[in-house]
Amino acid sequence: MTSFFSRLKNGLSRSRDALSQLVPGGSVDALSEEEWLDIEDGLIMADCGGELAGELVHKARKRRGGSVQALKESMISMLPEVEPVNMPAGGPFVLLVVGVNGTGKTTTIGKIATMFRQQGKSVLVGAADTFRAAAVEQLAVWVERAGAEMVRQHEGADPAAVAFDTIQRGVARNYDVVIIDTAGRVQTDRGLMDELAKVRRVITKAYPEAPHEVWQVVDGGTGQNAVMQVDKFREVAGTSGLIVTKLDGSGKGGIVLQLSHRFGLPIRYVGVGETLEDLMEFDGEAFINSLLPDQPE
C-alpha cells in the first residue's frame, strides 16, 4: 500500500506537521505530562474530538511505557475491521449511497461504478437525485465513462419511483451491482430526510434483501458537522459504512478516527483527490502512519 501511504501522507500534511511539533524529537521514549497534554490538544485540533483524544492518550500512556508508538497502536486498535463486500449469489448487490451536497457524493458513485466495472461486474446506477439536473448530468458522464448503465427520469421526478424502477430493472436483467444515488439532503431538513426514508422502504419492497449496504459520503474537512450528519443518516437510512472524501489538504484526518470510534462503522474508502485513483480502499494502519510523525527504529 505504498501509494496509499504516500498520498495520505501528503494529503494530511497539515495535521501531521502540527502533531510533529508536539512530539519532541520524534522520541519513542515515555513522554512527560506536559508533552502528553500537548499531544492531546493536537489530536483535538486534528478533529479527533475532545473525548476521543483524551481516551487515546490515556490508553497510550498505559501501553509500552507511554510512547508515541503506543499512541499509534491505540489508534489502530480502535478502527473497526473492514470486511469484504458480500456479493449475493441470487441477485444484484444493491448499494444505497447517501450524503449531503458538497461531499463529493456524485463523483464518488462514479468512481465506485468504475471500480466494479474493472472487476468485470455489470453495473446499473439509479439517478434518484432528481432535484438537481446538474447532478444527474454529472452522474451520467461518470456512468458512461465507467461502461455502466443508468436509470433516470425527468427533473423533479419522485426519487422513490426512480429507485423502484432501477431495482426492478437490475433484478430483471441480472445486473451484478445496482447503485442508487440520492439527493444531497441536509440532515436538519425533516421533509427531505422523510423522503430518504421512503426511498429505502421502496427499495426493500422491490427487493426484500436490499439494500445490502448503505454507504454515506462525508467531507473530511467539515469536522463536527460530519459527526452530526452520520448520526442522523444512520438513524434514517441505516448507514453501514463510510466514505471520507477531501483528505487532500482540507481534511484534518482525525475525523476518521472520531467517526469510527463514535459509530463503530467501517471506513470503506477515503478520497484524496479528483481522479479515479484518488478513491482508495481504507487501510487503517497506513492511515495512522500517515497521520502521525515517523518514529525512529
C-alpha atoms as a PDB file:
ATOM      1  CA  MET A   1       0.000   0.000   0.000  1.00  0.00           C
ATOM      2  CA  THR A   2       2.850   2.385  -0.788  1.00  0.00           C
ATOM      3  CA  SER A   3       0.617   4.559  -2.961  1.00  0.00           C
ATOM      4  CA  PHE A   4      -1.993   4.780  -0.207  1.00  0.00           C
ATOM      5  CA  PHE A   5       0.629   5.746   2.360  1.00  0.00           C
ATOM      6  CA  SER A   6       2.337   8.389   0.242  1.00  0.00           C
ATOM      7  CA  ARG A   7      -0.884  10.051  -0.880  1.00  0.00           C
ATOM      8  CA  LEU A   8      -2.339  10.203   2.594  1.00  0.00           C
ATOM      9  CA  LYS A   9       0.959  11.460   3.964  1.00  0.00           C
ATOM     10  CA  ASN A  10       0.821  14.361   1.529  1.00  0.00           C
ATOM     11  CA  GLY A  11      -2.904  14.950   1.943  1.00  0.00           C
ATOM     12  CA  LEU A  12      -2.743  15.006   5.738  1.00  0.00           C
ATOM     13  CA  SER A  13       0.369  17.136   5.883  1.00  0.00           C
ATOM     14  CA  ARG A  14      -1.320  19.892   7.893  1.00  0.00           C
ATOM     15  CA  SER A  15      -2.375  17.593  10.726  1.00  0.00           C
ATOM     16  CA  ARG A  16       0.884  15.668  10.510  1.00  0.00           C
ATOM     17  CA  ASP A  17       3.024  18.794  10.733  1.00  0.00           C
ATOM     18  CA  ALA A  18       1.029  20.112  13.682  1.00  0.00           C
ATOM     19  CA  LEU A  19       1.375  16.843  15.577  1.00  0.00           C
ATOM     20  CA  SER A  20       5.070  16.594  14.687  1.00  0.00           C
ATOM     21  CA  GLN A  21       5.693  19.856  16.524  1.00  0.00           C
ATOM     22  CA  LEU A  22       4.121  18.343  19.634  1.00  0.00           C
ATOM     23  CA  VAL A  23       6.301  15.224  19.697  1.00  0.00           C
ATOM     24  CA  PRO A  24       9.734  16.276  20.952  1.00  0.00           C
ATOM     25  CA  GLY A  25      12.424  14.931  18.681  1.00  0.00           C
ATOM     26  CA  GLY A  26      10.218  12.093  17.437  1.00  0.00           C
ATOM     27  CA  SER A  27      11.090  10.262  20.649  1.00  0.00           C
ATOM     28  CA  VAL A  28       9.793   6.738  21.234  1.00  0.00           C
ATOM     29  CA  ASP A  29      10.541   7.092  24.935  1.00  0.00           C
ATOM     30  CA  ALA A  30       7.989   7.871  27.608  1.00  0.00           C
ATOM     31  CA  LEU A  31       6.796  11.462  27.370  1.00  0.00           C
ATOM     32  CA  SER A  32       6.235  13.960  30.146  1.00  0.00           C
ATOM     33  CA  GLU A  33       2.842  15.060  31.450  1.00  0.00           C
ATOM     34  CA  GLU A  34       3.141  18.368  29.600  1.00  0.00           C
ATOM     35  CA  GLU A  35       4.082  16.644  26.362  1.00  0.00           C
ATOM     36  CA  TRP A  36       1.079  14.330  26.575  1.00  0.00           C
ATOM     37  CA  LEU A  37      -1.203  17.314  27.188  1.00  0.00           C
ATOM     38  CA  ASP A  38       0.221  18.959  24.094  1.00  0.00           C
ATOM     39  CA  ILE A  39      -0.416  15.813  22.051  1.00  0.00           C
ATOM     40  CA  GLU A  40      -3.982  15.617  23.353  1.00  0.00           C
ATOM     41  CA  ASP A  41      -4.529  19.229  22.271  1.00  0.00           C
ATOM     42  CA  GLY A  42      -3.054  18.430  18.866  1.00  0.00           C
ATOM     43  CA  LEU A  43      -5.424  15.491  18.404  1.00  0.00           C
ATOM     44  CA  ILE A  44      -8.376  17.721  19.240  1.00  0.00           C
ATOM     45  CA  MET A  45      -7.229  20.285  16.674  1.00  0.00           C
ATOM     46  CA  ALA A  46      -6.918  17.440  14.129  1.00  0.00           C
ATOM     47  CA  ASP A  47     -10.666  16.774  14.597  1.00  0.00           C
ATOM     48  CA  CYS A  48     -10.395  13.724  16.842  1.00  0.00           C
ATOM     49  CA  GLY A  49     -12.750  15.375  19.322  1.00  0.00           C
ATOM     50  CA  GLY A  50     -12.036  16.020  22.987  1.00  0.00           C
ATOM     51  CA  GLU A  51     -13.451  12.788  24.390  1.00  0.00           C
ATOM     52  CA  LEU A  52     -11.623  10.535  21.958  1.00  0.00           C
ATOM     53  CA  ALA A  53      -8.354  12.487  22.210  1.00  0.00           C
ATOM     54  CA  GLY A  54      -8.386  12.023  25.969  1.00  0.00           C
ATOM     55  CA  GLU A  55      -9.183   8.332  25.675  1.00  0.00           C
ATOM     56  CA  LEU A  56      -6.406   7.726  23.143  1.00  0.00           C
ATOM     57  CA  VAL A  57      -3.814   9.464  25.281  1.00  0.00           C
ATOM     58  CA  HIS A  58      -4.987   7.595  28.383  1.00  0.00           C
ATOM     59  CA  LYS A  59      -4.680   4.217  26.630  1.00  0.00           C
ATOM     60  CA  ALA A  60      -1.329   5.086  25.075  1.00  0.00           C
ATOM     61  CA  ARG A  61       0.165   6.033  28.426  1.00  0.00           C
ATOM     62  CA  LYS A  62      -0.703   2.577  29.728  1.00  0.00           C
ATOM     63  CA  ARG A  63       0.897   0.781  26.779  1.00  0.00           C
ATOM     64  CA  ARG A  64       4.608   0.142  26.254  1.00  0.00           C
ATOM     65  CA  GLY A  65       5.764   2.849  28.622  1.00  0.00           C
ATOM     66  CA  GLY A  66       3.651   5.611  27.158  1.00  0.00           C
ATOM     67  CA  SER A  67       5.422   6.224  23.862  1.00  0.00           C
ATOM     68  CA  VAL A  68       4.162   7.774  20.651  1.00  0.00           C
ATOM     69  CA  GLN A  69       4.335   4.287  19.122  1.00  0.00           C
ATOM     70  CA  ALA A  70       1.860   3.228  21.801  1.00  0.00           C
ATOM     71  CA  LEU A  71      -0.416   6.043  20.652  1.00  0.00           C
ATOM     72  CA  LYS A  72      -0.292   4.681  17.112  1.00  0.00           C
ATOM     73  CA  GLU A  73      -1.139   1.194  18.353  1.00  0.00           C
ATOM     74  CA  SER A  74      -4.083   2.551  20.358  1.00  0.00           C
ATOM     75  CA  MET A  75      -5.422   4.335  17.285  1.00  0.00           C
ATOM     76  CA  ILE A  76      -5.086   1.297  15.042  1.00  0.00           C
ATOM     77  CA  SER A  77      -6.769  -0.988  17.571  1.00  0.00           C
ATOM     78  CA  MET A  78      -9.905   1.145  17.731  1.00  0.00           C
ATOM     79  CA  LEU A  79     -10.582   1.160  13.978  1.00  0.00           C
ATOM     80  CA  PRO A  80     -13.367  -1.299  13.009  1.00  0.00           C
ATOM     81  CA  GLU A  81     -12.273  -4.103  10.729  1.00  0.00           C
ATOM     82  CA  VAL A  82     -13.381  -3.627   7.130  1.00  0.00           C
ATOM     83  CA  GLU A  83     -14.963  -6.816   5.824  1.00  0.00           C
ATOM     84  CA  PRO A  84     -15.028  -7.555   2.079  1.00  0.00           C
ATOM     85  CA  VAL A  85     -18.253  -6.638   0.309  1.00  0.00           C
ATOM     86  CA  ASN A  86     -20.572  -9.648   0.465  1.00  0.00           C
ATOM     87  CA  MET A  87     -21.921 -10.121  -3.047  1.00  0.00           C
ATOM     88  CA  PRO A  88     -25.223 -12.075  -3.026  1.00  0.00           C
ATOM     89  CA  ALA A  89     -25.400 -15.209  -5.146  1.00  0.00           C
ATOM     90  CA  GLY A  90     -29.008 -14.986  -6.282  1.00  0.00           C
ATOM     91  CA  GLY A  91     -29.362 -11.403  -7.427  1.00  0.00           C
ATOM     92  CA  PRO A  92     -27.701  -7.995  -7.690  1.00  0.00           C
ATOM     93  CA  PHE A  93     -25.721  -6.374  -4.902  1.00  0.00           C
ATOM     94  CA  VAL A  94     -27.720  -3.243  -4.085  1.00  0.00           C
ATOM     95  CA  LEU A  95     -25.834  -0.240  -2.730  1.00  0.00           C
ATOM     96  CA  LEU A  96     -27.615   2.886  -1.482  1.00  0.00           C
ATOM     97  CA  VAL A  97     -25.376   5.969  -1.344  1.00  0.00           C
ATOM     98  CA  VAL A  98     -26.311   8.938   0.853  1.00  0.00           C
ATOM     99  CA  GLY A  99     -24.792  12.237   1.956  1.00  0.00           C
ATOM    100  CA  VAL A 100     -25.261  15.994   1.802  1.00  0.00           C
ATOM    101  CA  ASN A 101     -24.423  18.237  -1.133  1.00  0.00           C
ATOM    102  CA  GLY A 102     -20.778  19.170  -1.482  1.00  0.00           C
ATOM    103  CA  THR A 103     -19.258  15.992  -0.071  1.00  0.00           C
ATOM    104  CA  GLY A 104     -18.298  14.615  -3.477  1.00  0.00           C
ATOM    105  CA  LYS A 105     -21.078  12.022  -3.457  1.00  0.00           C
ATOM    106  CA  THR A 106     -21.874  12.069  -7.179  1.00  0.00           C
ATOM    107  CA  THR A 107     -18.226  11.790  -8.198  1.00  0.00           C
ATOM    108  CA  THR A 108     -17.681   9.031  -5.636  1.00  0.00           C
ATOM    109  CA  ILE A 109     -20.561   6.997  -7.068  1.00  0.00           C
ATOM    110  CA  GLY A 110     -18.966   7.270 -10.494  1.00  0.00           C
ATOM    111  CA  LYS A 111     -15.669   6.044  -9.132  1.00  0.00           C
ATOM    112  CA  ILE A 112     -17.332   3.120  -7.323  1.00  0.00           C
ATOM    113  CA  ALA A 113     -19.145   2.152 -10.534  1.00  0.00           C
ATOM    114  CA  THR A 114     -15.830   2.251 -12.370  1.00  0.00           C
ATOM    115  CA  MET A 115     -14.161   0.019  -9.798  1.00  0.00           C
ATOM    116  CA  PHE A 116     -16.930  -2.578 -10.018  1.00  0.00           C
ATOM    117  CA  ARG A 117     -16.733  -2.486 -13.813  1.00  0.00           C
ATOM    118  CA  GLN A 118     -12.981  -3.032 -13.646  1.00  0.00           C
ATOM    119  CA  GLN A 119     -13.766  -6.179 -11.643  1.00  0.00           C
ATOM    120  CA  GLY A 120     -15.826  -7.396 -14.588  1.00  0.00           C
ATOM    121  CA  LYS A 121     -19.220  -6.768 -12.990  1.00  0.00           C
ATOM    122  CA  SER A 122     -22.253  -5.317 -14.746  1.00  0.00           C
ATOM    123  CA  VAL A 123     -23.414  -2.122 -13.049  1.00  0.00           C
ATOM    124  CA  LEU A 124     -26.701  -0.219 -13.117  1.00  0.00           C
ATOM    125  CA  VAL A 125     -26.967   3.210 -11.477  1.00  0.00           C
ATOM    126  CA  GLY A 126     -30.238   4.834 -10.454  1.00  0.00           C
ATOM    127  CA  ALA A 127     -30.183   8.648 -10.607  1.00  0.00           C
ATOM    128  CA  ALA A 128     -32.572   9.303  -7.732  1.00  0.00           C
ATOM    129  CA  ASP A 129     -31.131  12.761  -7.032  1.00  0.00           C
ATOM    130  CA  THR A 130     -33.878  14.222  -9.201  1.00  0.00           C
ATOM    131  CA  PHE A 131     -33.905  17.707  -7.681  1.00  0.00           C
ATOM    132  CA  ARG A 132     -30.698  18.849  -9.393  1.00  0.00           C
ATOM    133  CA  ALA A 133     -30.390  18.391 -13.144  1.00  0.00           C
ATOM    134  CA  ALA A 134     -26.672  19.125 -12.928  1.00  0.00           C
ATOM    135  CA  ALA A 135     -26.189  16.204 -10.540  1.00  0.00           C
ATOM    136  CA  VAL A 136     -27.882  13.813 -12.958  1.00  0.00           C
ATOM    137  CA  GLU A 137     -25.803  15.067 -15.874  1.00  0.00           C
ATOM    138  CA  GLN A 138     -22.591  14.782 -13.867  1.00  0.00           C
ATOM    139  CA  LEU A 139     -23.507  11.251 -12.838  1.00  0.00           C
ATOM    140  CA  ALA A 140     -24.324  10.359 -16.444  1.00  0.00           C
ATOM    141  CA  VAL A 141     -20.806  11.339 -17.513  1.00  0.00           C
ATOM    142  CA  TRP A 142     -19.258   9.085 -14.886  1.00  0.00           C
ATOM    143  CA  VAL A 143     -21.610   6.199 -15.671  1.00  0.00           C
ATOM    144  CA  GLU A 144     -20.789   6.361 -19.377  1.00  0.00           C
ATOM    145  CA  ARG A 145     -17.083   6.568 -18.601  1.00  0.00           C
ATOM    146  CA  ALA A 146     -17.386   3.504 -16.382  1.00  0.00           C
ATOM    147  CA  GLY A 147     -19.167   1.495 -19.054  1.00  0.00           C
ATOM    148  CA  ALA A 148     -22.197   1.143 -16.781  1.00  0.00           C
ATOM    149  CA  GLU A 149     -25.867   1.932 -17.454  1.00  0.00           C
ATOM    150  CA  MET A 150     -28.214   4.385 -15.789  1.00  0.00           C
ATOM    151  CA  VAL A 151     -31.908   4.761 -14.999  1.00  0.00           C
ATOM    152  CA  ARG A 152     -33.068   8.367 -14.992  1.00  0.00           C
ATOM    153  CA  GLN A 153     -36.305  10.308 -15.141  1.00  0.00           C
ATOM    154  CA  HIS A 154     -37.264  13.949 -15.616  1.00  0.00           C
ATOM    155  CA  GLU A 155     -36.087  16.641 -13.204  1.00  0.00           C
ATOM    156  CA  GLY A 156     -38.263  16.714 -10.094  1.00  0.00           C
ATOM    157  CA  ALA A 157     -39.457  13.113 -10.516  1.00  0.00           C
ATOM    158  CA  ASP A 158     -40.255  11.072  -7.413  1.00  0.00           C
ATOM    159  CA  PRO A 159     -36.887   9.729  -6.151  1.00  0.00           C
ATOM    160  CA  ALA A 160     -38.535   6.635  -4.693  1.00  0.00           C
ATOM    161  CA  ALA A 161     -40.050   5.843  -8.087  1.00  0.00           C
ATOM    162  CA  VAL A 162     -36.633   6.103  -9.737  1.00  0.00           C
ATOM    163  CA  ALA A 163     -35.181   3.780  -7.091  1.00  0.00           C
ATOM    164  CA  PHE A 164     -38.031   1.294  -7.600  1.00  0.00           C
ATOM    165  CA  ASP A 165     -37.591   1.269 -11.380  1.00  0.00           C
ATOM    166  CA  THR A 166     -33.829   0.814 -11.007  1.00  0.00           C
ATOM    167  CA  ILE A 167     -34.208  -2.174  -8.683  1.00  0.00           C
ATOM    168  CA  GLN A 168     -36.779  -3.790 -10.956  1.00  0.00           C
ATOM    169  CA  ARG A 169     -34.535  -3.426 -13.991  1.00  0.00           C
ATOM    170  CA  GLY A 170     -31.496  -4.613 -12.065  1.00  0.00           C
ATOM    171  CA  VAL A 171     -33.263  -7.794 -10.952  1.00  0.00           C
ATOM    172  CA  ALA A 172     -34.963  -8.476 -14.289  1.00  0.00           C
ATOM    173  CA  ARG A 173     -31.776  -8.081 -16.316  1.00  0.00           C
ATOM    174  CA  ASN A 174     -29.467  -9.825 -13.836  1.00  0.00           C
ATOM    175  CA  TYR A 175     -27.083  -6.971 -13.121  1.00  0.00           C
ATOM    176  CA  ASP A 176     -24.288  -7.762 -10.682  1.00  0.00           C
ATOM    177  CA  VAL A 177     -24.406  -4.370  -8.963  1.00  0.00           C
ATOM    178  CA  VAL A 178     -27.156  -1.766  -8.571  1.00  0.00           C
ATOM    179  CA  ILE A 179     -26.174   1.613  -7.118  1.00  0.00           C
ATOM    180  CA  ILE A 180     -28.840   4.105  -6.050  1.00  0.00           C
ATOM    181  CA  ASP A 181     -27.858   7.761  -5.825  1.00  0.00           C
ATOM    182  CA  THR A 182     -29.931  10.013  -3.550  1.00  0.00           C
ATOM    183  CA  ALA A 183     -30.446  13.740  -3.238  1.00  0.00           C
ATOM    184  CA  GLY A 184     -27.860  15.624  -1.202  1.00  0.00           C
ATOM    185  CA  ARG A 185     -30.064  16.082   1.794  1.00  0.00           C
ATOM    186  CA  VAL A 186     -29.393  18.416   4.696  1.00  0.00           C
ATOM    187  CA  GLN A 187     -29.759  16.307   7.810  1.00  0.00           C
ATOM    188  CA  THR A 188     -31.758  19.056   9.571  1.00  0.00           C
ATOM    189  CA  ASP A 189     -34.470  19.118   6.868  1.00  0.00           C
ATOM    190  CA  ARG A 190     -37.187  16.786   8.135  1.00  0.00           C
ATOM    191  CA  GLY A 191     -39.068  16.639   4.835  1.00  0.00           C
ATOM    192  CA  LEU A 192     -36.009  15.614   2.844  1.00  0.00           C
ATOM    193  CA  MET A 193     -34.993  13.031   5.416  1.00  0.00           C
ATOM    194  CA  ASP A 194     -38.507  11.574   5.291  1.00  0.00           C
ATOM    195  CA  GLU A 195     -38.083  11.306   1.520  1.00  0.00           C
ATOM    196  CA  LEU A 196     -34.831   9.403   2.026  1.00  0.00           C
ATOM    197  CA  ALA A 197     -36.576   7.021   4.425  1.00  0.00           C
ATOM    198  CA  LYS A 198     -39.228   6.432   1.745  1.00  0.00           C
ATOM    199  CA  VAL A 199     -36.559   5.624  -0.844  1.00  0.00           C
ATOM    200  CA  ARG A 200     -35.128   2.981   1.457  1.00  0.00           C
ATOM    201  CA  ARG A 201     -38.560   1.468   2.161  1.00  0.00           C
ATOM    202  CA  VAL A 202     -39.378   1.250  -1.537  1.00  0.00           C
ATOM    203  CA  ILE A 203     -36.035  -0.415  -2.308  1.00  0.00           C
ATOM    204  CA  THR A 204     -36.784  -3.107   0.272  1.00  0.00           C
ATOM    205  CA  LYS A 205     -40.284  -3.650  -1.109  1.00  0.00           C
ATOM    206  CA  ALA A 206     -38.908  -4.034  -4.625  1.00  0.00           C
ATOM    207  CA  TYR A 207     -36.165  -6.426  -3.478  1.00  0.00           C
ATOM    208  CA  PRO A 208     -36.568  -7.701   0.109  1.00  0.00           C
ATOM    209  CA  GLU A 209     -32.844  -8.373   0.623  1.00  0.00           C
ATOM    210  CA  ALA A 210     -31.911  -4.816  -0.349  1.00  0.00           C
ATOM    211  CA  PRO A 211     -30.161  -2.579   0.249  1.00  0.00           C
ATOM    212  CA  HIS A 212     -27.242  -4.809   1.105  1.00  0.00           C
ATOM    213  CA  GLU A 213     -25.102  -1.796   2.055  1.00  0.00           C
ATOM    214  CA  VAL A 214     -25.761   1.885   2.750  1.00  0.00           C
ATOM    215  CA  TRP A 215     -22.610   3.944   2.330  1.00  0.00           C
ATOM    216  CA  GLN A 216     -22.505   7.562   3.428  1.00  0.00           C
ATOM    217  CA  VAL A 217     -20.112  10.036   1.839  1.00  0.00           C
ATOM    218  CA  VAL A 218     -18.748  12.650   4.244  1.00  0.00           C
ATOM    219  CA  ASP A 219     -16.383  15.567   3.700  1.00  0.00           C
ATOM    220  CA  GLY A 220     -13.263  15.069   5.816  1.00  0.00           C
ATOM    221  CA  GLY A 221     -12.897  18.821   6.274  1.00  0.00           C
ATOM    222  CA  THR A 222     -16.269  19.523   7.915  1.00  0.00           C
ATOM    223  CA  GLY A 223     -15.286  18.453  11.425  1.00  0.00           C
ATOM    224  CA  GLN A 224     -18.103  18.096  13.923  1.00  0.00           C
ATOM    225  CA  ASN A 225     -20.717  18.651  11.227  1.00  0.00           C
ATOM    226  CA  ALA A 226     -19.687  15.304   9.748  1.00  0.00           C
ATOM    227  CA  VAL A 227     -20.447  13.668  13.099  1.00  0.00           C
ATOM    228  CA  MET A 228     -23.944  15.172  13.144  1.00  0.00           C
ATOM    229  CA  GLN A 229     -24.539  14.072   9.557  1.00  0.00           C
ATOM    230  CA  VAL A 230     -23.589  10.457  10.236  1.00  0.00           C
ATOM    231  CA  ASP A 231     -25.696  10.398  13.393  1.00  0.00           C
ATOM    232  CA  LYS A 232     -28.831  11.459  11.515  1.00  0.00           C
ATOM    233  CA  PHE A 233     -28.278   9.494   8.315  1.00  0.00           C
ATOM    234  CA  ARG A 234     -27.605   6.321  10.279  1.00  0.00           C
ATOM    235  CA  GLU A 235     -30.934   6.787  12.046  1.00  0.00           C
ATOM    236  CA  VAL A 236     -32.896   7.402   8.840  1.00  0.00           C
ATOM    237  CA  ALA A 237     -31.094   5.339   6.194  1.00  0.00           C
ATOM    238  CA  GLY A 238     -29.250   2.710   8.236  1.00  0.00           C
ATOM    239  CA  THR A 239     -25.711   3.696   7.246  1.00  0.00           C
ATOM    240  CA  SER A 240     -23.464   0.612   7.211  1.00  0.00           C
ATOM    241  CA  GLY A 241     -20.183   2.124   6.007  1.00  0.00           C
ATOM    242  CA  LEU A 242     -18.469   5.449   5.394  1.00  0.00           C
ATOM    243  CA  ILE A 243     -16.521   7.043   2.564  1.00  0.00           C
ATOM    244  CA  VAL A 244     -14.458  10.034   3.714  1.00  0.00           C
ATOM    245  CA  THR A 245     -13.531  12.437   0.910  1.00  0.00           C
ATOM    246  CA  LYS A 246     -11.361  15.516   0.507  1.00  0.00           C
ATOM    247  CA  LEU A 247      -8.455  14.372   2.664  1.00  0.00           C
ATOM    248  CA  ASP A 248      -6.168  16.209   0.272  1.00  0.00           C
ATOM    249  CA  GLY A 249      -5.250  19.182   2.430  1.00  0.00           C
ATOM    250  CA  SER A 250      -8.647  20.392   3.598  1.00  0.00           C
ATOM    251  CA  GLY A 251      -9.329  17.364   5.762  1.00  0.00           C
ATOM    252  CA  LYS A 252      -7.608  17.073   9.131  1.00  0.00           C
ATOM    253  CA  GLY A 253      -7.624  13.291   9.343  1.00  0.00           C
ATOM    254  CA  GLY A 254      -8.716  12.939  12.947  1.00  0.00           C
ATOM    255  CA  ILE A 255     -12.358  12.970  11.878  1.00  0.00           C
ATOM    256  CA  VAL A 256     -11.850   9.447  10.503  1.00  0.00           C
ATOM    257  CA  LEU A 257     -10.936   8.242  13.974  1.00  0.00           C
ATOM    258  CA  GLN A 258     -13.786  10.115  15.617  1.00  0.00           C
ATOM    259  CA  LEU A 259     -16.406   8.705  13.249  1.00  0.00           C
ATOM    260  CA  SER A 260     -15.054   5.159  13.621  1.00  0.00           C
ATOM    261  CA  HIS A 261     -14.981   5.417  17.395  1.00  0.00           C
ATOM    262  CA  ARG A 262     -18.382   7.002  17.869  1.00  0.00           C
ATOM    263  CA  PHE A 263     -20.422   4.929  15.437  1.00  0.00           C
ATOM    264  CA  GLY A 264     -18.437   1.715  15.026  1.00  0.00           C
ATOM    265  CA  LEU A 265     -18.822   1.986  11.256  1.00  0.00           C
ATOM    266  CA  PRO A 266     -16.113   0.746   8.893  1.00  0.00           C
ATOM    267  CA  ILE A 267     -14.395   3.278   6.648  1.00  0.00           C
ATOM    268  CA  ARG A 268     -14.772   1.745   3.197  1.00  0.00           C
ATOM    269  CA  TYR A 269     -12.855   4.289   1.134  1.00  0.00           C
ATOM    270  CA  VAL A 270     -11.059   7.596   1.523  1.00  0.00           C
ATOM    271  CA  GLY A 271     -10.620  10.236  -1.132  1.00  0.00           C
ATOM    272  CA  VAL A 272      -7.549  12.428  -1.535  1.00  0.00           C
ATOM    273  CA  GLY A 273      -8.237  13.980  -4.929  1.00  0.00           C
ATOM    274  CA  GLU A 274     -10.441  14.123  -8.009  1.00  0.00           C
ATOM    275  CA  THR A 275      -9.181  11.246 -10.162  1.00  0.00           C
ATOM    276  CA  LEU A 276     -10.307   7.631 -10.032  1.00  0.00           C
ATOM    277  CA  GLU A 277      -7.052   6.573  -8.386  1.00  0.00           C
ATOM    278  CA  ASP A 278      -7.642   9.063  -5.572  1.00  0.00           C
ATOM    279  CA  LEU A 279     -10.507   6.994  -4.133  1.00  0.00           C
ATOM    280  CA  MET A 280      -8.744   4.222  -2.254  1.00  0.00           C
ATOM    281  CA  GLU A 281      -9.748   1.304  -0.102  1.00  0.00           C
ATOM    282  CA  PHE A 282      -9.159   2.203   3.513  1.00  0.00           C
ATOM    283  CA  ASP A 283      -6.064   0.787   5.202  1.00  0.00           C
ATOM    284  CA  GLY A 284      -6.174   1.615   8.913  1.00  0.00           C
ATOM    285  CA  GLU A 285      -2.502   1.078   9.689  1.00  0.00           C
ATOM    286  CA  ALA A 286      -1.333   3.081   6.683  1.00  0.00           C
ATOM    287  CA  PHE A 287      -3.767   5.839   7.588  1.00  0.00           C
ATOM    288  CA  ILE A 288      -2.457   6.158  11.153  1.00  0.00           C
ATOM    289  CA  ASN A 289       1.127   6.076   9.934  1.00  0.00           C
ATOM    290  CA  SER A 290       0.234   8.915   7.567  1.00  0.00           C
ATOM    291  CA  LEU A 291      -1.399  10.968  10.288  1.00  0.00           C
ATOM    292  CA  LEU A 292       1.332  10.754  12.940  1.00  0.00           C
ATOM    293  CA  PRO A 293       5.053  11.585  12.676  1.00  0.00           C
ATOM    294  CA  ASP A 294       7.531   8.857  11.758  1.00  0.00           C
ATOM    295  CA  GLN A 295       9.213   7.132  14.668  1.00  0.00           C
ATOM    296  CA  PRO A 296      12.870   6.066  14.703  1.00  0.00           C
ATOM    297  CA  GLU A 297      13.622   2.389  14.830  1.00  0.00           C
END
